[in-house]
Amino acid sequence: MRFIILLLGGFLLFSCDKVKDVFQEKDLLQRPVAKRCSECHQNIYNQWKDSRHAVAWTSEEFKRASENYSKTKCLSCHAPYEITVSDKPNLRDFHREDGVNCVACHFRDSTKSMHGPYDVFSPPHPSTQDLQYTKAEICSGCHQETYKQWKTVATEKNCQQCHMPSEKGKLIQKFPFDLFHASKEVHHHGFMVPKSKKDFFDVKISKDSSGVVLKITNLKVPHNVPTADHGNPKYYVDIVIYKDGKEVYTDSYMITPKEAFLPKQEKVINIPYLESYDKVKVSLSRKLSWQKEAEKIASYDF
């Protein structure tokens, strides 16, 4: 405790600018690898290193989809120099194996500082409060199609609320800089793709002269499902029809981003089964671009 009091007292003898000069680490302004940022931001780094952003350049799925990096239009969003609003970023020519790393999103050449949603005291590097980081627009340079879809929906939810949920915590874990940071809402940097729940979709079954009619409406996801700018995620709709307790008909439909479930819009699937039935079971599952197997979302019985 005495050490902390002496340390804080010593800081008070200096102006904030002098403190920053003493503690500033120049290499942080030269776009280092993400591991360098972990020295202070350990929690955020641990989340990021297990994310798809961390392997955006090195994943086998991307190597295959980009034909071993020969499809140049795909490259810049997987190793961006500096993210931009609306426009695709430039491809950097160093540390590409780091994927979408910390400085690609947070360091700005225009201010020579790290940008983020908070006004913080950060002696190791200059920091700039930038409220753009609280808005969906910050994601729009790379996720252009999904952003356009989101823009058409009247919703108060943005990208961060679903894909970077926040919880109370500290931005910094390194002593003594952690002493200058009170707990605040810190967004998760795992960039998760939350799985839809049963009530996210309205599913209806009816019968007409053409057969069984299945209607599915995306009620709660504020963009197309599935969605991707260049990836190949899929949803699967599996139908089983029963008569007298036995399966009499099965079918499966693959839904790609081109035929996606649009927000608040009904998608109709006509099933060519004309006979009578007792029960219909509809199952939804998804397979993200990097997943080996589909995962079940929900089942609906009629």
C-alpha atoms as a PDB file:
ATOM      1  CA  MET A   1       0.000   0.000   0.000  1.00  0.00           C
ATOM      2  CA  ARG A   2       2.858   2.402   0.852  1.00  0.00           C
ATOM      3  CA  PHE A   3       4.403   1.737  -2.530  1.00  0.00           C
ATOM      4  CA  ILE A   4       1.163   2.562  -4.304  1.00  0.00           C
ATOM      5  CA  ILE A   5       0.775   5.830  -2.350  1.00  0.00           C
ATOM      6  CA  LEU A   6       4.364   6.827  -3.171  1.00  0.00           C
ATOM      7  CA  LEU A   7       3.831   5.932  -6.816  1.00  0.00           C
ATOM      8  CA  LEU A   8       0.660   7.951  -7.108  1.00  0.00           C
ATOM      9  CA  GLY A   9       2.284  10.846  -5.270  1.00  0.00           C
ATOM     10  CA  GLY A  10       5.150  10.756  -7.696  1.00  0.00           C
ATOM     11  CA  PHE A  11       2.773  10.928 -10.641  1.00  0.00           C
ATOM     12  CA  LEU A  12       1.249  14.058  -9.163  1.00  0.00           C
ATOM     13  CA  LEU A  13       4.629  15.799  -9.304  1.00  0.00           C
ATOM     14  CA  PHE A  14       4.543  15.549 -13.069  1.00  0.00           C
ATOM     15  CA  SER A  15       2.098  16.948 -15.575  1.00  0.00           C
ATOM     16  CA  CYS A  16       0.082  14.353 -17.494  1.00  0.00           C
ATOM     17  CA  ASP A  17       2.129  15.120 -20.599  1.00  0.00           C
ATOM     18  CA  LYS A  18       5.401  14.395 -18.788  1.00  0.00           C
ATOM     19  CA  VAL A  19       4.022  11.148 -17.398  1.00  0.00           C
ATOM     20  CA  LYS A  20       3.061  10.118 -20.910  1.00  0.00           C
ATOM     21  CA  ASP A  21       6.542  10.991 -22.195  1.00  0.00           C
ATOM     22  CA  VAL A  22       8.170   8.900 -19.469  1.00  0.00           C
ATOM     23  CA  PHE A  23       6.008   5.831 -20.020  1.00  0.00           C
ATOM     24  CA  GLN A  24       5.311   6.003 -23.759  1.00  0.00           C
ATOM     25  CA  GLU A  25       6.409   2.893 -25.626  1.00  0.00           C
ATOM     26  CA  LYS A  26       7.270   4.010 -29.139  1.00  0.00           C
ATOM     27  CA  ASP A  27       6.948   0.609 -30.785  1.00  0.00           C
ATOM     28  CA  LEU A  28       3.215   0.626 -30.028  1.00  0.00           C
ATOM     29  CA  LEU A  29       2.896   3.356 -32.662  1.00  0.00           C
ATOM     30  CA  GLN A  30       4.554   1.162 -35.296  1.00  0.00           C
ATOM     31  CA  ARG A  31       1.728  -1.348 -35.715  1.00  0.00           C
ATOM     32  CA  PRO A  32       3.094  -4.291 -33.709  1.00  0.00           C
ATOM     33  CA  VAL A  33       1.628  -7.799 -33.606  1.00  0.00           C
ATOM     34  CA  ALA A  34      -1.361  -8.433 -31.353  1.00  0.00           C
ATOM     35  CA  LYS A  35       0.760 -10.323 -28.817  1.00  0.00           C
ATOM     36  CA  ARG A  36       2.485  -7.034 -27.978  1.00  0.00           C
ATOM     37  CA  CYS A  37      -0.835  -5.544 -26.899  1.00  0.00           C
ATOM     38  CA  SER A  38      -1.432  -8.442 -24.523  1.00  0.00           C
ATOM     39  CA  GLU A  39       1.132  -7.056 -22.094  1.00  0.00           C
ATOM     40  CA  CYS A  40      -1.513  -4.573 -20.914  1.00  0.00           C
ATOM     41  CA  HIS A  41      -4.764  -5.852 -22.445  1.00  0.00           C
ATOM     42  CA  GLN A  42      -4.468  -9.493 -21.433  1.00  0.00           C
ATOM     43  CA  ASN A  43      -8.189 -10.236 -21.211  1.00  0.00           C
ATOM     44  CA  ILE A  44      -9.023  -8.711 -24.578  1.00  0.00           C
ATOM     45  CA  TYR A  45      -6.067 -10.446 -26.215  1.00  0.00           C
ATOM     46  CA  ASN A  46      -7.127 -13.838 -24.856  1.00  0.00           C
ATOM     47  CA  GLN A  47     -10.594 -13.339 -26.343  1.00  0.00           C
ATOM     48  CA  TRP A  48      -9.205 -12.180 -29.693  1.00  0.00           C
ATOM     49  CA  LYS A  49      -6.674 -15.026 -30.104  1.00  0.00           C
ATOM     50  CA  ASP A  50      -9.510 -17.566 -30.030  1.00  0.00           C
ATOM     51  CA  SER A  51     -11.612 -15.592 -32.517  1.00  0.00           C
ATOM     52  CA  ARG A  52     -12.072 -15.889 -36.265  1.00  0.00           C
ATOM     53  CA  HIS A  53     -10.390 -12.478 -36.638  1.00  0.00           C
ATOM     54  CA  ALA A  54      -7.151 -13.968 -35.292  1.00  0.00           C
ATOM     55  CA  VAL A  55      -7.082 -16.695 -37.961  1.00  0.00           C
ATOM     56  CA  ALA A  56      -8.617 -14.625 -40.744  1.00  0.00           C
ATOM     57  CA  TRP A  57      -5.429 -14.974 -42.837  1.00  0.00           C
ATOM     58  CA  THR A  58      -4.121 -18.361 -41.765  1.00  0.00           C
ATOM     59  CA  SER A  59      -7.247 -20.525 -41.619  1.00  0.00           C
ATOM     60  CA  GLU A  60      -7.393 -23.456 -44.013  1.00  0.00           C
ATOM     61  CA  GLU A  61     -10.891 -22.356 -45.077  1.00  0.00           C
ATOM     62  CA  PHE A  62      -9.580 -18.967 -46.231  1.00  0.00           C
ATOM     63  CA  LYS A  63      -6.550 -20.438 -47.963  1.00  0.00           C
ATOM     64  CA  ARG A  64      -8.863 -22.734 -49.887  1.00  0.00           C
ATOM     65  CA  ALA A  65     -11.497 -20.082 -50.665  1.00  0.00           C
ATOM     66  CA  SER A  66      -8.882 -17.560 -51.820  1.00  0.00           C
ATOM     67  CA  GLU A  67      -7.100 -20.243 -53.861  1.00  0.00           C
ATOM     68  CA  ASN A  68      -3.948 -19.890 -51.796  1.00  0.00           C
ATOM     69  CA  TYR A  69      -4.227 -16.086 -51.647  1.00  0.00           C
ATOM     70  CA  SER A  70      -4.525 -15.671 -55.418  1.00  0.00           C
ATOM     71  CA  LYS A  71      -8.004 -14.091 -55.312  1.00  0.00           C
ATOM     72  CA  THR A  72      -6.814 -10.614 -54.479  1.00  0.00           C
ATOM     73  CA  LYS A  73     -10.259  -9.069 -53.929  1.00  0.00           C
ATOM     74  CA  CYS A  74     -10.653 -11.227 -50.809  1.00  0.00           C
ATOM     75  CA  LEU A  75      -7.345 -10.453 -49.168  1.00  0.00           C
ATOM     76  CA  SER A  76      -7.522  -6.971 -47.662  1.00  0.00           C
ATOM     77  CA  CYS A  77     -10.295  -7.706 -45.170  1.00  0.00           C
ATOM     78  CA  HIS A  78      -8.343 -10.696 -43.866  1.00  0.00           C
ATOM     79  CA  ALA A  79      -5.172  -8.697 -43.115  1.00  0.00           C
ATOM     80  CA  PRO A  80      -6.220  -5.027 -43.197  1.00  0.00           C
ATOM     81  CA  TYR A  81      -3.770  -2.196 -42.723  1.00  0.00           C
ATOM     82  CA  GLU A  82      -6.410   0.064 -41.159  1.00  0.00           C
ATOM     83  CA  ILE A  83     -10.153  -0.508 -41.169  1.00  0.00           C
ATOM     84  CA  THR A  84     -12.314   2.139 -42.766  1.00  0.00           C
ATOM     85  CA  VAL A  85     -15.996   3.013 -42.677  1.00  0.00           C
ATOM     86  CA  SER A  86     -17.910   1.909 -45.796  1.00  0.00           C
ATOM     87  CA  ASP A  87     -14.823   1.289 -47.980  1.00  0.00           C
ATOM     88  CA  LYS A  88     -12.703  -1.847 -48.037  1.00  0.00           C
ATOM     89  CA  PRO A  89      -9.379  -1.362 -46.240  1.00  0.00           C
ATOM     90  CA  ASN A  90      -5.981  -1.649 -47.834  1.00  0.00           C
ATOM     91  CA  LEU A  91      -4.028  -4.887 -47.514  1.00  0.00           C
ATOM     92  CA  ARG A  92      -0.989  -4.577 -45.263  1.00  0.00           C
ATOM     93  CA  ASP A  93       2.355  -6.012 -46.332  1.00  0.00           C
ATOM     94  CA  PHE A  94       3.562  -7.107 -42.895  1.00  0.00           C
ATOM     95  CA  HIS A  95       2.357  -9.369 -40.065  1.00  0.00           C
ATOM     96  CA  ARG A  96      -0.349 -10.797 -42.309  1.00  0.00           C
ATOM     97  CA  GLU A  97      -0.395 -13.969 -40.256  1.00  0.00           C
ATOM     98  CA  ASP A  98      -1.911 -11.834 -37.467  1.00  0.00           C
ATOM     99  CA  GLY A  99      -5.180 -11.535 -39.396  1.00  0.00           C
ATOM    100  CA  VAL A 100      -7.527  -8.789 -38.253  1.00  0.00           C
ATOM    101  CA  ASN A 101      -5.365  -7.701 -35.344  1.00  0.00           C
ATOM    102  CA  CYS A 102      -5.578  -5.021 -32.656  1.00  0.00           C
ATOM    103  CA  VAL A 103      -3.891  -2.172 -34.505  1.00  0.00           C
ATOM    104  CA  ALA A 104      -5.773  -2.844 -37.753  1.00  0.00           C
ATOM    105  CA  CYS A 105      -8.940  -1.839 -35.926  1.00  0.00           C
ATOM    106  CA  HIS A 106      -7.673   0.587 -33.300  1.00  0.00           C
ATOM    107  CA  PHE A 107      -4.603   2.485 -34.584  1.00  0.00           C
ATOM    108  CA  ARG A 108      -5.125   5.480 -36.862  1.00  0.00           C
ATOM    109  CA  ASP A 109      -2.371   7.046 -38.929  1.00  0.00           C
ATOM    110  CA  SER A 110      -4.309  10.322 -38.978  1.00  0.00           C
ATOM    111  CA  THR A 111      -3.876  10.850 -35.227  1.00  0.00           C
ATOM    112  CA  LYS A 112      -0.956   8.493 -34.490  1.00  0.00           C
ATOM    113  CA  SER A 113      -3.020   7.104 -31.642  1.00  0.00           C
ATOM    114  CA  MET A 114      -5.172   4.185 -30.571  1.00  0.00           C
ATOM    115  CA  HIS A 115      -8.895   4.796 -31.058  1.00  0.00           C
ATOM    116  CA  GLY A 116     -11.702   3.366 -28.943  1.00  0.00           C
ATOM    117  CA  PRO A 117     -15.042   4.266 -27.359  1.00  0.00           C
ATOM    118  CA  TYR A 118     -13.640   5.686 -24.085  1.00  0.00           C
ATOM    119  CA  ASP A 119     -11.654   8.762 -23.080  1.00  0.00           C
ATOM    120  CA  VAL A 120      -8.811   7.079 -21.191  1.00  0.00           C
ATOM    121  CA  PHE A 121      -5.476   7.943 -19.597  1.00  0.00           C
ATOM    122  CA  SER A 122      -2.967   5.669 -21.310  1.00  0.00           C
ATOM    123  CA  PRO A 123       0.703   6.570 -20.750  1.00  0.00           C
ATOM    124  CA  PRO A 124       2.142   3.777 -22.981  1.00  0.00           C
ATOM    125  CA  HIS A 125       0.482   5.204 -26.104  1.00  0.00           C
ATOM    126  CA  PRO A 126      -1.693   8.167 -27.156  1.00  0.00           C
ATOM    127  CA  SER A 127      -5.424   7.386 -27.127  1.00  0.00           C
ATOM    128  CA  THR A 128      -8.344   9.071 -28.865  1.00  0.00           C
ATOM    129  CA  GLN A 129     -11.973   8.680 -27.903  1.00  0.00           C
ATOM    130  CA  ASP A 130     -13.911   7.732 -31.016  1.00  0.00           C
ATOM    131  CA  LEU A 131     -17.637   7.096 -30.670  1.00  0.00           C
ATOM    132  CA  GLN A 132     -17.651   5.450 -34.100  1.00  0.00           C
ATOM    133  CA  TYR A 133     -16.651   2.312 -32.186  1.00  0.00           C
ATOM    134  CA  THR A 134     -20.083   2.201 -30.557  1.00  0.00           C
ATOM    135  CA  LYS A 135     -21.836   2.084 -33.945  1.00  0.00           C
ATOM    136  CA  ALA A 136     -22.400  -0.535 -36.624  1.00  0.00           C
ATOM    137  CA  GLU A 137     -20.646   1.666 -39.182  1.00  0.00           C
ATOM    138  CA  ILE A 138     -17.240   0.679 -37.796  1.00  0.00           C
ATOM    139  CA  CYS A 139     -17.831  -2.834 -39.206  1.00  0.00           C
ATOM    140  CA  SER A 140     -19.109  -1.672 -42.599  1.00  0.00           C
ATOM    141  CA  GLY A 141     -15.812  -1.550 -44.494  1.00  0.00           C
ATOM    142  CA  CYS A 142     -15.360  -5.324 -44.484  1.00  0.00           C
ATOM    143  CA  HIS A 143     -18.861  -6.597 -43.724  1.00  0.00           C
ATOM    144  CA  GLN A 144     -20.443  -4.523 -46.478  1.00  0.00           C
ATOM    145  CA  GLU A 145     -23.304  -6.800 -47.517  1.00  0.00           C
ATOM    146  CA  THR A 146     -24.363  -7.609 -43.976  1.00  0.00           C
ATOM    147  CA  TYR A 147     -24.210  -3.918 -43.076  1.00  0.00           C
ATOM    148  CA  LYS A 148     -26.449  -3.036 -46.041  1.00  0.00           C
ATOM    149  CA  GLN A 149     -28.944  -5.682 -44.925  1.00  0.00           C
ATOM    150  CA  TRP A 150     -28.900  -4.336 -41.355  1.00  0.00           C
ATOM    151  CA  LYS A 151     -29.508  -0.795 -42.616  1.00  0.00           C
ATOM    152  CA  THR A 152     -32.839  -1.843 -44.120  1.00  0.00           C
ATOM    153  CA  VAL A 153     -34.181  -3.019 -40.754  1.00  0.00           C
ATOM    154  CA  ALA A 154     -35.734  -0.703 -38.162  1.00  0.00           C
ATOM    155  CA  THR A 155     -33.820  -1.932 -35.121  1.00  0.00           C
ATOM    156  CA  GLU A 156     -32.016  -0.477 -32.129  1.00  0.00           C
ATOM    157  CA  LYS A 157     -29.560  -3.385 -32.102  1.00  0.00           C
ATOM    158  CA  ASN A 158     -26.160  -2.882 -33.668  1.00  0.00           C
ATOM    159  CA  CYS A 159     -23.352  -5.281 -34.570  1.00  0.00           C
ATOM    160  CA  GLN A 160     -21.588  -4.889 -31.229  1.00  0.00           C
ATOM    161  CA  GLN A 161     -24.602  -5.839 -29.124  1.00  0.00           C
ATOM    162  CA  CYS A 162     -24.879  -9.273 -30.734  1.00  0.00           C
ATOM    163  CA  HIS A 163     -21.311 -10.033 -31.773  1.00  0.00           C
ATOM    164  CA  MET A 164     -19.329  -8.156 -29.077  1.00  0.00           C
ATOM    165  CA  PRO A 165     -21.562  -8.247 -25.978  1.00  0.00           C
ATOM    166  CA  SER A 166     -20.214  -6.181 -23.094  1.00  0.00           C
ATOM    167  CA  GLU A 167     -19.646  -6.915 -19.431  1.00  0.00           C
ATOM    168  CA  LYS A 168     -18.138  -5.023 -16.519  1.00  0.00           C
ATOM    169  CA  GLY A 169     -14.377  -5.212 -16.385  1.00  0.00           C
ATOM    170  CA  LYS A 170     -11.101  -3.358 -16.826  1.00  0.00           C
ATOM    171  CA  LEU A 171      -9.458  -2.512 -20.120  1.00  0.00           C
ATOM    172  CA  ILE A 172      -6.026  -2.920 -18.524  1.00  0.00           C
ATOM    173  CA  GLN A 173      -4.576  -5.734 -16.424  1.00  0.00           C
ATOM    174  CA  LYS A 174      -0.966  -4.517 -16.154  1.00  0.00           C
ATOM    175  CA  PHE A 175       0.262  -2.884 -12.945  1.00  0.00           C
ATOM    176  CA  PRO A 176       0.446   0.063 -12.288  1.00  0.00           C
ATOM    177  CA  PHE A 177      -1.630   1.267 -15.254  1.00  0.00           C
ATOM    178  CA  ASP A 178      -4.624  -0.775 -14.121  1.00  0.00           C
ATOM    179  CA  LEU A 179      -4.898   1.562 -11.118  1.00  0.00           C
ATOM    180  CA  PHE A 180      -5.976   4.375 -13.440  1.00  0.00           C
ATOM    181  CA  HIS A 181      -8.866   2.409 -14.908  1.00  0.00           C
ATOM    182  CA  ALA A 182     -12.158   1.895 -13.120  1.00  0.00           C
ATOM    183  CA  SER A 183     -14.370  -0.993 -14.184  1.00  0.00           C
ATOM    184  CA  LYS A 184     -16.543  -0.164 -17.169  1.00  0.00           C
ATOM    185  CA  GLU A 185     -18.510  -1.923 -19.886  1.00  0.00           C
ATOM    186  CA  VAL A 186     -15.899  -3.743 -21.974  1.00  0.00           C
ATOM    187  CA  HIS A 187     -16.937  -5.380 -25.232  1.00  0.00           C
ATOM    188  CA  HIS A 188     -15.981  -8.998 -25.824  1.00  0.00           C
ATOM    189  CA  HIS A 189     -13.372  -9.375 -28.558  1.00  0.00           C
ATOM    190  CA  GLY A 190     -14.200 -12.962 -29.478  1.00  0.00           C
ATOM    191  CA  PHE A 191     -16.456 -11.708 -32.300  1.00  0.00           C
ATOM    192  CA  MET A 192     -18.859 -14.573 -31.743  1.00  0.00           C
ATOM    193  CA  VAL A 193     -21.596 -15.638 -34.127  1.00  0.00           C
ATOM    194  CA  PRO A 194     -24.460 -16.359 -31.722  1.00  0.00           C
ATOM    195  CA  LYS A 195     -26.673 -19.267 -32.635  1.00  0.00           C
ATOM    196  CA  SER A 196     -30.278 -18.443 -33.430  1.00  0.00           C
ATOM    197  CA  LYS A 197     -32.927 -19.601 -30.973  1.00  0.00           C
ATOM    198  CA  LYS A 198     -36.257 -21.273 -31.635  1.00  0.00           C
ATOM    199  CA  ASP A 199     -38.294 -18.105 -31.230  1.00  0.00           C
ATOM    200  CA  PHE A 200     -36.109 -16.247 -33.735  1.00  0.00           C
ATOM    201  CA  PHE A 201     -38.218 -17.857 -36.472  1.00  0.00           C
ATOM    202  CA  ASP A 202     -41.929 -18.178 -37.053  1.00  0.00           C
ATOM    203  CA  VAL A 203     -42.627 -21.533 -38.736  1.00  0.00           C
ATOM    204  CA  LYS A 204     -46.001 -22.483 -40.205  1.00  0.00           C
ATOM    205  CA  ILE A 205     -47.332 -25.521 -42.077  1.00  0.00           C
ATOM    206  CA  SER A 206     -50.391 -25.684 -44.331  1.00  0.00           C
ATOM    207  CA  LYS A 207     -51.652 -27.834 -47.201  1.00  0.00           C
ATOM    208  CA  ASP A 208     -52.990 -26.898 -50.619  1.00  0.00           C
ATOM    209  CA  SER A 209     -53.475 -28.554 -54.009  1.00  0.00           C
ATOM    210  CA  SER A 210     -49.725 -28.509 -54.683  1.00  0.00           C
ATOM    211  CA  GLY A 211     -48.811 -30.314 -51.470  1.00  0.00           C
ATOM    212  CA  VAL A 212     -47.491 -29.212 -48.077  1.00  0.00           C
ATOM    213  CA  VAL A 213     -46.592 -25.526 -47.762  1.00  0.00           C
ATOM    214  CA  LEU A 214     -43.885 -24.522 -45.294  1.00  0.00           C
ATOM    215  CA  LYS A 215     -43.551 -20.836 -44.389  1.00  0.00           C
ATOM    216  CA  ILE A 216     -40.587 -19.552 -42.368  1.00  0.00           C
ATOM    217  CA  THR A 217     -40.117 -15.954 -41.213  1.00  0.00           C
ATOM    218  CA  ASN A 218     -36.929 -14.520 -39.728  1.00  0.00           C
ATOM    219  CA  LEU A 219     -38.407 -12.558 -36.817  1.00  0.00           C
ATOM    220  CA  LYS A 220     -35.446 -11.437 -34.737  1.00  0.00           C
ATOM    221  CA  VAL A 221     -32.143 -11.447 -36.629  1.00  0.00           C
ATOM    222  CA  PRO A 222     -31.694  -7.929 -38.073  1.00  0.00           C
ATOM    223  CA  HIS A 223     -29.932  -9.100 -41.239  1.00  0.00           C
ATOM    224  CA  ASN A 224     -30.210 -11.987 -43.690  1.00  0.00           C
ATOM    225  CA  VAL A 225     -29.740 -15.516 -42.351  1.00  0.00           C
ATOM    226  CA  PRO A 226     -27.302 -16.830 -43.378  1.00  0.00           C
ATOM    227  CA  THR A 227     -25.229 -13.807 -44.352  1.00  0.00           C
ATOM    228  CA  ALA A 228     -21.734 -13.375 -45.772  1.00  0.00           C
ATOM    229  CA  ASP A 229     -19.827 -11.104 -48.109  1.00  0.00           C
ATOM    230  CA  HIS A 230     -17.710 -13.913 -49.571  1.00  0.00           C
ATOM    231  CA  GLY A 231     -18.004 -16.920 -47.241  1.00  0.00           C
ATOM    232  CA  ASN A 232     -20.333 -19.852 -47.690  1.00  0.00           C
ATOM    233  CA  PRO A 233     -22.429 -20.372 -44.559  1.00  0.00           C
ATOM    234  CA  LYS A 234     -25.538 -22.497 -44.899  1.00  0.00           C
ATOM    235  CA  TYR A 235     -28.813 -23.163 -43.131  1.00  0.00           C
ATOM    236  CA  TYR A 236     -30.612 -26.479 -43.561  1.00  0.00           C
ATOM    237  CA  VAL A 237     -34.341 -27.095 -43.375  1.00  0.00           C
ATOM    238  CA  ASP A 238     -35.162 -30.763 -42.796  1.00  0.00           C
ATOM    239  CA  ILE A 239     -38.744 -32.019 -43.115  1.00  0.00           C
ATOM    240  CA  VAL A 240     -40.118 -35.345 -41.927  1.00  0.00           C
ATOM    241  CA  ILE A 241     -43.779 -36.262 -42.566  1.00  0.00           C
ATOM    242  CA  TYR A 242     -45.453 -38.999 -40.537  1.00  0.00           C
ATOM    243  CA  LYS A 243     -48.521 -41.147 -41.113  1.00  0.00           C
ATOM    244  CA  ASP A 244     -49.749 -43.668 -38.533  1.00  0.00           C
ATOM    245  CA  GLY A 245     -46.565 -43.109 -36.524  1.00  0.00           C
ATOM    246  CA  LYS A 246     -44.260 -43.934 -39.449  1.00  0.00           C
ATOM    247  CA  GLU A 247     -42.052 -41.733 -41.624  1.00  0.00           C
ATOM    248  CA  VAL A 248     -43.607 -41.515 -45.080  1.00  0.00           C
ATOM    249  CA  TYR A 249     -41.654 -38.608 -46.550  1.00  0.00           C
ATOM    250  CA  THR A 250     -38.356 -36.814 -45.849  1.00  0.00           C
ATOM    251  CA  ASP A 251     -36.659 -33.929 -47.601  1.00  0.00           C
ATOM    252  CA  SER A 252     -33.922 -31.391 -46.956  1.00  0.00           C
ATOM    253  CA  TYR A 253     -33.428 -27.873 -48.286  1.00  0.00           C
ATOM    254  CA  MET A 254     -30.166 -25.945 -48.211  1.00  0.00           C
ATOM    255  CA  ILE A 255     -30.410 -22.190 -47.687  1.00  0.00           C
ATOM    256  CA  THR A 256     -27.398 -20.148 -48.848  1.00  0.00           C
ATOM    257  CA  PRO A 257     -26.812 -16.380 -48.570  1.00  0.00           C
ATOM    258  CA  LYS A 258     -28.340 -15.965 -52.034  1.00  0.00           C
ATOM    259  CA  GLU A 259     -31.662 -17.482 -50.908  1.00  0.00           C
ATOM    260  CA  ALA A 260     -31.468 -16.354 -47.270  1.00  0.00           C
ATOM    261  CA  PHE A 261     -34.201 -15.778 -44.716  1.00  0.00           C
ATOM    262  CA  LEU A 262     -34.710 -12.022 -44.974  1.00  0.00           C
ATOM    263  CA  PRO A 263     -35.612  -9.994 -41.881  1.00  0.00           C
ATOM    264  CA  LYS A 264     -39.366  -9.950 -41.224  1.00  0.00           C
ATOM    265  CA  GLN A 265     -40.089 -11.585 -44.584  1.00  0.00           C
ATOM    266  CA  GLU A 266     -41.809 -14.903 -45.127  1.00  0.00           C
ATOM    267  CA  LYS A 267     -39.969 -17.565 -47.101  1.00  0.00           C
ATOM    268  CA  VAL A 268     -42.183 -20.192 -48.729  1.00  0.00           C
ATOM    269  CA  ILE A 269     -41.011 -23.752 -49.387  1.00  0.00           C
ATOM    270  CA  ASN A 270     -43.359 -25.993 -51.345  1.00  0.00           C
ATOM    271  CA  ILE A 271     -43.120 -29.671 -50.457  1.00  0.00           C
ATOM    272  CA  PRO A 272     -44.512 -31.991 -53.158  1.00  0.00           C
ATOM    273  CA  TYR A 273     -46.368 -34.366 -50.832  1.00  0.00           C
ATOM    274  CA  LEU A 274     -50.060 -34.770 -51.698  1.00  0.00           C
ATOM    275  CA  GLU A 275     -51.112 -37.603 -49.382  1.00  0.00           C
ATOM    276  CA  SER A 276     -52.706 -37.200 -45.970  1.00  0.00           C
ATOM    277  CA  TYR A 277     -50.500 -37.086 -42.889  1.00  0.00           C
ATOM    278  CA  ASP A 278     -50.678 -37.021 -39.094  1.00  0.00           C
ATOM    279  CA  LYS A 279     -47.584 -35.047 -38.179  1.00  0.00           C
ATOM    280  CA  VAL A 280     -44.851 -32.878 -39.707  1.00  0.00           C
ATOM    281  CA  LYS A 281     -41.479 -32.231 -38.048  1.00  0.00           C
ATOM    282  CA  VAL A 282     -39.386 -29.288 -39.276  1.00  0.00           C
ATOM    283  CA  SER A 283     -35.783 -28.933 -38.098  1.00  0.00           C
ATOM    284  CA  LEU A 284     -33.437 -25.973 -38.636  1.00  0.00           C
ATOM    285  CA  SER A 285     -29.654 -26.244 -38.454  1.00  0.00           C
ATOM    286  CA  ARG A 286     -26.702 -24.160 -39.567  1.00  0.00           C
ATOM    287  CA  LYS A 287     -23.162 -24.701 -40.795  1.00  0.00           C
ATOM    288  CA  LEU A 288     -20.894 -21.674 -40.636  1.00  0.00           C
ATOM    289  CA  SER A 289     -18.189 -21.318 -43.276  1.00  0.00           C
ATOM    290  CA  TRP A 290     -15.506 -22.815 -41.029  1.00  0.00           C
ATOM    291  CA  GLN A 291     -17.578 -25.528 -39.392  1.00  0.00           C
ATOM    292  CA  LYS A 292     -17.080 -29.162 -40.336  1.00  0.00           C
ATOM    293  CA  GLU A 293     -20.558 -30.267 -39.288  1.00  0.00           C
ATOM    294  CA  ALA A 294     -23.939 -28.563 -39.078  1.00  0.00           C
ATOM    295  CA  GLU A 295     -25.306 -27.720 -35.635  1.00  0.00           C
ATOM    296  CA  LYS A 296     -28.972 -27.963 -34.738  1.00  0.00           C
ATOM    297  CA  ILE A 297     -30.904 -24.789 -33.966  1.00  0.00           C
ATOM    298  CA  ALA A 298     -34.469 -25.910 -33.272  1.00  0.00           C
ATOM    299  CA  SER A 299     -37.284 -28.299 -34.163  1.00  0.00           C
ATOM    300  CA  TYR A 300     -40.962 -27.521 -34.744  1.00  0.00           C
ATOM    301  CA  ASP A 301     -43.734 -30.113 -34.574  1.00  0.00           C
ATOM    302  CA  PHE A 302     -47.081 -29.803 -36.342  1.00  0.00           C
END
